[in-house]
Amino acid sequence: MRENEVTKFLVSFSGHIEQVRFPAGVFDDQLYLTYDVVWGEDWSPVSGLCSGTSQMARSGRDPERVTFNLPLEMVFGSTNVFGWPQVVVTVRARNPLTGESLRGYSLFLLPPTTGTHQLTSQLVRPRSATMLGEWVAWLTGRYPELADPKMLANGKDNYLLRTESYGSVTLTMTMVSKDLRKLGYDNQPPVWKSV
């Protein structure tokens, strides 16, 4: 192998988790987010935080939206694109009646093309396996939770989950890469020509 031959590429992601939107309105006093970044075996984080927690926030003038603007910034290195990084977002609520409870999970594949992207992903929460569990969840406001939310990024056992959609999360992310083209990957966004 020659000394100047490229064997690894770098990708940099920077952006923020903008908001959570609930179509029926927000009925909790305060919400907060946690996020975890999941990546494949050949990937290694070079810099940045791979997990974090936001501040407490509540809805403002728009009763359906809670704005967070939680910054994300990370750099990864890899030898191939298998196991491209994903972000698992967990939304939790805190109120005086039910204490702390889950509002849902959301999964984002970080953008594979260069440029700035605004992504929206559905917020899902697990459903109880029994009718009694559903009734207790409705009564207490505490829904079933995953032992490890990172399992959503794996996809192997997700078909066993019973979930319901409950809102959405919006993420704005900019991706910049180095040496992807030298290794034979084309990640440039398509160029649209007007006729």
Foldseek 3Di string as FASTA:
>chain_A
DDPPADQKKKKKKKWFFFKWFFPVFDPFPWKKKKKAKWFDDQKDWDDWDRIDIFDIWADDPDRGMTTTRGIGITMMMGRDCPGQMKMKMWMWGAHDQQGIATPFIWMGRAQLAADKDKDKTWGKAFADPDPVLNVVCVVRVHGDDDPDSCVVVVPPCCVVTHIDTGTMIMIMMGMDMGCCVVSPDDRHDDDDDDD
